[in-house]
Amino acid sequence: MKVVYFLVAFLALASSSAFAYDPSPLQDFCVAVTETNGVFVNGKFCKNPKLVKAEDFFNHIDPGNTLNKLGSKVTPVAVTEIPGLNTLGISLARIDFAPKGLNPPHTHPRATEILIVVEGTLFVGFVASNQNNNTLFTKVLNKGDVFVFPIGLIHFQLNVGNGNAIAIAGLSSQNPGVITIANALFRSTPLISLQVLTKAFQVNNSVIEYLEKQF
């Protein structure tokens, strides 16, 4: 009987691990379509395989426009941009940085990120969860360096070089999602109650109102 309990526990653990990320596809491909008269799989409907073409698996990425307050531009290449990524469990993003540009603290709720610096020098980091005392892990990355940001953890990238910088991020989901921390706190719809934010940050109303105006 103990063996049975062990096997049940093992299978439960294995199942929870298996479904922690995008489910594995059960077909060669499932090109996403917006119509609803197809087969619903992993969040998108599948195009009839007989109608699939090479363009369903292709996209072109231009340099991002960094003329903004943050001095950075993230160009995602996920299932929305390449329908052929549907059910395949991966995506990527190109991140362009002006000098001193920042990709601000954010999380990907459905993906681990692995980032490689193509050009320039970046200061990157992520913050561990409460159970790990919110430990900050940082590293200065140069061309060719690679860094991993675990799924769901807050992370950032800052260009600390004198010129522009470019990075490519691989993500372990066809639709990783992104939550920019400042936007979520100070530009939600509707806005989070002042009572909540002033209590959480231990500041007065004017500070929160000032921050909300910045977004």
C-alpha atoms as a PDB file:
ATOM      1  CA  MET A   1       0.000   0.000   0.000  1.00  0.00           C
ATOM      2  CA  LYS A   2       2.887   2.374   0.755  1.00  0.00           C
ATOM      3  CA  VAL A   3       4.174   1.731  -2.767  1.00  0.00           C
ATOM      4  CA  VAL A   4       0.781   2.728  -4.211  1.00  0.00           C
ATOM      5  CA  TYR A   5       0.756   5.945  -2.162  1.00  0.00           C
ATOM      6  CA  PHE A   6       4.269   6.719  -3.359  1.00  0.00           C
ATOM      7  CA  LEU A   7       3.313   6.158  -7.006  1.00  0.00           C
ATOM      8  CA  VAL A   8       0.227   8.351  -6.680  1.00  0.00           C
ATOM      9  CA  ALA A   9       2.285  11.119  -5.090  1.00  0.00           C
ATOM     10  CA  PHE A  10       4.955  10.776  -7.772  1.00  0.00           C
ATOM     11  CA  LEU A  11       2.410  10.926 -10.600  1.00  0.00           C
ATOM     12  CA  ALA A  12       0.736  13.959  -9.056  1.00  0.00           C
ATOM     13  CA  LEU A  13       4.082  15.720  -8.829  1.00  0.00           C
ATOM     14  CA  ALA A  14       4.969  14.755 -12.382  1.00  0.00           C
ATOM     15  CA  SER A  15       1.606  15.991 -13.653  1.00  0.00           C
ATOM     16  CA  SER A  16       1.928  19.323 -11.871  1.00  0.00           C
ATOM     17  CA  SER A  17       5.400  19.761 -13.358  1.00  0.00           C
ATOM     18  CA  ALA A  18       4.251  18.782 -16.823  1.00  0.00           C
ATOM     19  CA  PHE A  19       1.518  21.407 -16.864  1.00  0.00           C
ATOM     20  CA  ALA A  20       3.592  24.201 -15.340  1.00  0.00           C
ATOM     21  CA  TYR A  21       4.274  25.609 -18.804  1.00  0.00           C
ATOM     22  CA  ASP A  22       2.561  25.453 -22.196  1.00  0.00           C
ATOM     23  CA  PRO A  23       1.145  21.978 -22.897  1.00  0.00           C
ATOM     24  CA  SER A  24       2.989  19.918 -25.489  1.00  0.00           C
ATOM     25  CA  PRO A  25       1.328  19.881 -28.930  1.00  0.00           C
ATOM     26  CA  LEU A  26      -0.368  16.744 -30.195  1.00  0.00           C
ATOM     27  CA  GLN A  27       0.203  17.569 -33.873  1.00  0.00           C
ATOM     28  CA  ASP A  28       2.991  18.853 -36.138  1.00  0.00           C
ATOM     29  CA  PHE A  29       1.667  22.392 -35.983  1.00  0.00           C
ATOM     30  CA  CYS A  30      -1.461  24.388 -35.136  1.00  0.00           C
ATOM     31  CA  VAL A  31      -1.292  27.714 -36.966  1.00  0.00           C
ATOM     32  CA  ALA A  32      -3.439  30.212 -35.077  1.00  0.00           C
ATOM     33  CA  VAL A  33      -6.499  31.743 -36.731  1.00  0.00           C
ATOM     34  CA  THR A  34      -8.942  34.336 -35.470  1.00  0.00           C
ATOM     35  CA  GLU A  35     -12.013  32.547 -36.805  1.00  0.00           C
ATOM     36  CA  THR A  36     -13.943  30.343 -34.421  1.00  0.00           C
ATOM     37  CA  ASN A  37     -14.832  27.552 -36.839  1.00  0.00           C
ATOM     38  CA  GLY A  38     -11.682  25.592 -36.189  1.00  0.00           C
ATOM     39  CA  VAL A  39     -10.304  23.310 -33.488  1.00  0.00           C
ATOM     40  CA  PHE A  40      -9.654  25.062 -30.169  1.00  0.00           C
ATOM     41  CA  VAL A  41      -6.192  24.158 -28.804  1.00  0.00           C
ATOM     42  CA  ASN A  42      -3.975  25.917 -26.214  1.00  0.00           C
ATOM     43  CA  GLY A  43      -5.738  29.256 -26.424  1.00  0.00           C
ATOM     44  CA  LYS A  44      -5.986  29.656 -30.219  1.00  0.00           C
ATOM     45  CA  PHE A  45      -8.006  28.013 -32.948  1.00  0.00           C
ATOM     46  CA  CYS A  46      -6.081  25.980 -35.496  1.00  0.00           C
ATOM     47  CA  LYS A  47      -6.006  26.683 -39.196  1.00  0.00           C
ATOM     48  CA  ASN A  48      -6.866  23.790 -41.462  1.00  0.00           C
ATOM     49  CA  PRO A  49      -3.453  22.094 -42.022  1.00  0.00           C
ATOM     50  CA  LYS A  50      -4.138  21.943 -45.751  1.00  0.00           C
ATOM     51  CA  LEU A  51      -4.273  25.752 -45.843  1.00  0.00           C
ATOM     52  CA  VAL A  52      -1.026  26.336 -43.923  1.00  0.00           C
ATOM     53  CA  LYS A  53       1.796  28.099 -45.777  1.00  0.00           C
ATOM     54  CA  ALA A  54       5.389  29.136 -45.070  1.00  0.00           C
ATOM     55  CA  GLU A  55       4.351  32.705 -44.224  1.00  0.00           C
ATOM     56  CA  ASP A  56       2.496  31.363 -41.178  1.00  0.00           C
ATOM     57  CA  PHE A  57       5.906  30.604 -39.630  1.00  0.00           C
ATOM     58  CA  PHE A  58       7.684  33.829 -40.660  1.00  0.00           C
ATOM     59  CA  ASN A  59       8.078  37.400 -39.473  1.00  0.00           C
ATOM     60  CA  HIS A  60      10.609  40.221 -39.905  1.00  0.00           C
ATOM     61  CA  ILE A  61      11.801  42.380 -37.011  1.00  0.00           C
ATOM     62  CA  ASP A  62      12.919  45.966 -37.547  1.00  0.00           C
ATOM     63  CA  PRO A  63      14.929  47.937 -34.965  1.00  0.00           C
ATOM     64  CA  GLY A  64      12.670  49.370 -32.282  1.00  0.00           C
ATOM     65  CA  ASN A  65      12.069  53.107 -31.848  1.00  0.00           C
ATOM     66  CA  THR A  66      13.708  54.124 -28.553  1.00  0.00           C
ATOM     67  CA  LEU A  67      12.576  57.772 -28.661  1.00  0.00           C
ATOM     68  CA  ASN A  68      10.471  57.567 -25.497  1.00  0.00           C
ATOM     69  CA  LYS A  69      10.783  58.326 -21.794  1.00  0.00           C
ATOM     70  CA  LEU A  70      12.372  54.969 -21.020  1.00  0.00           C
ATOM     71  CA  GLY A  71      14.750  54.938 -23.978  1.00  0.00           C
ATOM     72  CA  SER A  72      13.880  51.368 -24.889  1.00  0.00           C
ATOM     73  CA  LYS A  73      11.581  49.390 -27.138  1.00  0.00           C
ATOM     74  CA  VAL A  74      10.520  45.761 -26.786  1.00  0.00           C
ATOM     75  CA  THR A  75       9.413  44.110 -30.029  1.00  0.00           C
ATOM     76  CA  PRO A  76       7.635  40.826 -29.234  1.00  0.00           C
ATOM     77  CA  VAL A  77       7.535  37.864 -31.588  1.00  0.00           C
ATOM     78  CA  ALA A  78       4.875  35.647 -30.051  1.00  0.00           C
ATOM     79  CA  VAL A  79       1.839  33.805 -31.377  1.00  0.00           C
ATOM     80  CA  THR A  80       0.163  37.091 -32.316  1.00  0.00           C
ATOM     81  CA  GLU A  81       3.075  37.973 -34.599  1.00  0.00           C
ATOM     82  CA  ILE A  82       3.773  34.448 -35.885  1.00  0.00           C
ATOM     83  CA  PRO A  83       0.606  32.320 -35.920  1.00  0.00           C
ATOM     84  CA  GLY A  84       2.705  29.196 -36.468  1.00  0.00           C
ATOM     85  CA  LEU A  85       4.004  29.489 -32.894  1.00  0.00           C
ATOM     86  CA  ASN A  86       0.620  28.364 -31.600  1.00  0.00           C
ATOM     87  CA  THR A  87       1.016  25.321 -29.292  1.00  0.00           C
ATOM     88  CA  LEU A  88       4.821  25.268 -29.734  1.00  0.00           C
ATOM     89  CA  GLY A  89       5.588  26.796 -26.334  1.00  0.00           C
ATOM     90  CA  ILE A  90       8.240  29.347 -27.353  1.00  0.00           C
ATOM     91  CA  SER A  91       8.532  32.974 -28.404  1.00  0.00           C
ATOM     92  CA  LEU A  92      11.119  35.728 -28.402  1.00  0.00           C
ATOM     93  CA  ALA A  93      11.514  39.487 -28.209  1.00  0.00           C
ATOM     94  CA  ARG A  94      14.011  41.990 -29.555  1.00  0.00           C
ATOM     95  CA  ILE A  95      14.887  44.746 -27.075  1.00  0.00           C
ATOM     96  CA  ASP A  96      16.476  47.962 -28.337  1.00  0.00           C
ATOM     97  CA  PHE A  97      18.079  50.435 -25.921  1.00  0.00           C
ATOM     98  CA  ALA A  98      19.191  54.007 -26.393  1.00  0.00           C
ATOM     99  CA  PRO A  99      22.129  55.085 -24.183  1.00  0.00           C
ATOM    100  CA  LYS A 100      20.949  54.772 -20.555  1.00  0.00           C
ATOM    101  CA  GLY A 101      17.715  53.199 -21.794  1.00  0.00           C
ATOM    102  CA  LEU A 102      15.757  50.984 -19.417  1.00  0.00           C
ATOM    103  CA  ASN A 103      13.456  48.009 -19.823  1.00  0.00           C
ATOM    104  CA  PRO A 104      11.708  48.655 -16.497  1.00  0.00           C
ATOM    105  CA  PRO A 105      10.939  46.109 -13.778  1.00  0.00           C
ATOM    106  CA  HIS A 106       8.372  43.625 -15.061  1.00  0.00           C
ATOM    107  CA  THR A 107       7.394  39.974 -14.923  1.00  0.00           C
ATOM    108  CA  HIS A 108       6.313  37.300 -17.390  1.00  0.00           C
ATOM    109  CA  PRO A 109       3.577  35.291 -15.650  1.00  0.00           C
ATOM    110  CA  ARG A 110       3.831  32.346 -18.050  1.00  0.00           C
ATOM    111  CA  ALA A 111       7.487  32.128 -19.078  1.00  0.00           C
ATOM    112  CA  THR A 112      11.118  31.896 -18.098  1.00  0.00           C
ATOM    113  CA  GLU A 113      13.284  34.295 -20.096  1.00  0.00           C
ATOM    114  CA  ILE A 114      16.800  33.719 -21.423  1.00  0.00           C
ATOM    115  CA  LEU A 115      18.483  36.847 -22.756  1.00  0.00           C
ATOM    116  CA  ILE A 116      21.567  37.298 -24.937  1.00  0.00           C
ATOM    117  CA  VAL A 117      23.244  40.641 -25.534  1.00  0.00           C
ATOM    118  CA  VAL A 118      23.820  41.248 -29.248  1.00  0.00           C
ATOM    119  CA  GLU A 119      25.314  44.710 -28.909  1.00  0.00           C
ATOM    120  CA  GLY A 120      26.317  46.994 -26.036  1.00  0.00           C
ATOM    121  CA  THR A 121      26.502  46.565 -22.270  1.00  0.00           C
ATOM    122  CA  LEU A 122      23.522  45.904 -20.006  1.00  0.00           C
ATOM    123  CA  PHE A 123      23.062  45.866 -16.258  1.00  0.00           C
ATOM    124  CA  VAL A 124      20.417  43.224 -15.591  1.00  0.00           C
ATOM    125  CA  GLY A 125      18.828  41.653 -12.561  1.00  0.00           C
ATOM    126  CA  PHE A 126      15.888  39.870 -10.975  1.00  0.00           C
ATOM    127  CA  VAL A 127      14.389  39.789  -7.498  1.00  0.00           C
ATOM    128  CA  ALA A 128      13.628  36.501  -5.760  1.00  0.00           C
ATOM    129  CA  SER A 129      10.292  35.867  -4.021  1.00  0.00           C
ATOM    130  CA  ASN A 130       9.466  36.673  -0.400  1.00  0.00           C
ATOM    131  CA  GLN A 131      10.435  33.179   0.704  1.00  0.00           C
ATOM    132  CA  ASN A 132      13.959  33.927  -0.509  1.00  0.00           C
ATOM    133  CA  ASN A 133      14.062  37.306   1.233  1.00  0.00           C
ATOM    134  CA  ASN A 134      13.570  39.228  -2.031  1.00  0.00           C
ATOM    135  CA  THR A 135      17.237  38.696  -2.831  1.00  0.00           C
ATOM    136  CA  LEU A 136      18.446  40.755  -5.791  1.00  0.00           C
ATOM    137  CA  PHE A 137      20.604  38.968  -8.384  1.00  0.00           C
ATOM    138  CA  THR A 138      22.425  41.290 -10.802  1.00  0.00           C
ATOM    139  CA  LYS A 139      25.058  41.060 -13.503  1.00  0.00           C
ATOM    140  CA  VAL A 140      26.704  43.343 -16.061  1.00  0.00           C
ATOM    141  CA  LEU A 141      26.406  41.722 -19.484  1.00  0.00           C
ATOM    142  CA  ASN A 142      28.500  42.419 -22.551  1.00  0.00           C
ATOM    143  CA  LYS A 143      28.104  41.294 -26.155  1.00  0.00           C
ATOM    144  CA  GLY A 144      27.620  37.525 -26.268  1.00  0.00           C
ATOM    145  CA  ASP A 145      26.737  37.174 -22.580  1.00  0.00           C
ATOM    146  CA  VAL A 146      23.602  35.247 -21.602  1.00  0.00           C
ATOM    147  CA  PHE A 147      21.404  35.580 -18.504  1.00  0.00           C
ATOM    148  CA  VAL A 148      18.280  33.754 -17.292  1.00  0.00           C
ATOM    149  CA  PHE A 149      15.263  35.306 -15.559  1.00  0.00           C
ATOM    150  CA  PRO A 150      13.140  32.634 -13.807  1.00  0.00           C
ATOM    151  CA  ILE A 151       9.432  32.489 -14.545  1.00  0.00           C
ATOM    152  CA  GLY A 152       7.261  35.033 -12.752  1.00  0.00           C
ATOM    153  CA  LEU A 153      10.081  36.945 -11.031  1.00  0.00           C
ATOM    154  CA  ILE A 154      10.478  40.725 -11.354  1.00  0.00           C
ATOM    155  CA  HIS A 155      13.416  41.627 -13.597  1.00  0.00           C
ATOM    156  CA  PHE A 156      14.897  44.527 -15.566  1.00  0.00           C
ATOM    157  CA  GLN A 157      17.604  45.527 -18.055  1.00  0.00           C
ATOM    158  CA  LEU A 158      19.455  48.868 -18.111  1.00  0.00           C
ATOM    159  CA  ASN A 159      21.857  50.051 -20.809  1.00  0.00           C
ATOM    160  CA  VAL A 160      25.007  51.158 -18.955  1.00  0.00           C
ATOM    161  CA  GLY A 161      27.154  51.518 -22.066  1.00  0.00           C
ATOM    162  CA  ASN A 162      27.946  54.669 -24.001  1.00  0.00           C
ATOM    163  CA  GLY A 163      26.117  53.624 -27.157  1.00  0.00           C
ATOM    164  CA  ASN A 164      22.989  51.793 -28.198  1.00  0.00           C
ATOM    165  CA  ALA A 165      22.365  48.220 -27.056  1.00  0.00           C
ATOM    166  CA  ILE A 166      20.409  45.295 -28.479  1.00  0.00           C
ATOM    167  CA  ALA A 167      19.311  42.090 -26.783  1.00  0.00           C
ATOM    168  CA  ILE A 168      17.296  39.086 -27.853  1.00  0.00           C
ATOM    169  CA  ALA A 169      15.125  37.324 -25.276  1.00  0.00           C
ATOM    170  CA  GLY A 170      13.831  33.782 -25.657  1.00  0.00           C
ATOM    171  CA  LEU A 171      10.696  32.910 -23.673  1.00  0.00           C
ATOM    172  CA  SER A 172       9.295  29.518 -22.719  1.00  0.00           C
ATOM    173  CA  SER A 173       5.742  30.248 -23.845  1.00  0.00           C
ATOM    174  CA  GLN A 174       3.985  31.103 -27.089  1.00  0.00           C
ATOM    175  CA  ASN A 175       2.207  33.837 -25.101  1.00  0.00           C
ATOM    176  CA  PRO A 176       4.384  34.739 -22.091  1.00  0.00           C
ATOM    177  CA  GLY A 177       2.476  37.849 -21.060  1.00  0.00           C
ATOM    178  CA  VAL A 178       4.065  40.853 -19.391  1.00  0.00           C
ATOM    179  CA  ILE A 179       3.212  42.855 -16.279  1.00  0.00           C
ATOM    180  CA  THR A 180       5.121  46.135 -15.989  1.00  0.00           C
ATOM    181  CA  ILE A 181       5.203  46.783 -12.255  1.00  0.00           C
ATOM    182  CA  ALA A 182       4.855  50.575 -12.313  1.00  0.00           C
ATOM    183  CA  ASN A 183       1.990  50.435 -14.817  1.00  0.00           C
ATOM    184  CA  ALA A 184       0.167  47.775 -12.815  1.00  0.00           C
ATOM    185  CA  LEU A 185       0.393  49.802  -9.604  1.00  0.00           C
ATOM    186  CA  PHE A 186      -0.144  53.326 -10.873  1.00  0.00           C
ATOM    187  CA  ARG A 187      -2.028  52.970 -14.171  1.00  0.00           C
ATOM    188  CA  SER A 188      -4.504  50.178 -13.529  1.00  0.00           C
ATOM    189  CA  THR A 189      -8.100  50.443 -14.780  1.00  0.00           C
ATOM    190  CA  PRO A 190      -9.718  51.501 -12.514  1.00  0.00           C
ATOM    191  CA  LEU A 191      -6.936  52.921 -10.342  1.00  0.00           C
ATOM    192  CA  ILE A 192      -6.002  51.063  -7.172  1.00  0.00           C
ATOM    193  CA  SER A 193      -7.410  52.789  -4.099  1.00  0.00           C
ATOM    194  CA  LEU A 194      -5.206  55.494  -2.577  1.00  0.00           C
ATOM    195  CA  GLN A 195      -5.868  53.878   0.792  1.00  0.00           C
ATOM    196  CA  VAL A 196      -4.309  50.645  -0.444  1.00  0.00           C
ATOM    197  CA  LEU A 197      -1.251  52.231  -2.054  1.00  0.00           C
ATOM    198  CA  THR A 198      -0.485  54.715   0.733  1.00  0.00           C
ATOM    199  CA  LYS A 199      -0.681  51.909   3.279  1.00  0.00           C
ATOM    200  CA  ALA A 200       1.443  49.560   1.182  1.00  0.00           C
ATOM    201  CA  PHE A 201       4.191  52.130   0.501  1.00  0.00           C
ATOM    202  CA  GLN A 202       3.837  53.974   3.820  1.00  0.00           C
ATOM    203  CA  VAL A 203       3.559  57.390   2.126  1.00  0.00           C
ATOM    204  CA  ASN A 204       0.891  60.097   1.938  1.00  0.00           C
ATOM    205  CA  ASN A 205      -1.679  60.661  -0.794  1.00  0.00           C
ATOM    206  CA  SER A 206       0.313  63.320  -2.613  1.00  0.00           C
ATOM    207  CA  VAL A 207       3.159  60.905  -3.351  1.00  0.00           C
ATOM    208  CA  ILE A 208       0.838  58.332  -4.916  1.00  0.00           C
ATOM    209  CA  GLU A 209      -1.033  61.004  -6.872  1.00  0.00           C
ATOM    210  CA  TYR A 210       2.282  62.320  -8.208  1.00  0.00           C
ATOM    211  CA  LEU A 211       3.346  58.847  -9.317  1.00  0.00           C
ATOM    212  CA  GLU A 212      -0.012  58.209 -11.008  1.00  0.00           C
ATOM    213  CA  LYS A 213       0.393  61.415 -13.043  1.00  0.00           C
ATOM    214  CA  GLN A 214       3.696  60.143 -14.433  1.00  0.00           C
ATOM    215  CA  PHE A 215       1.829  57.355 -16.239  1.00  0.00           C
END
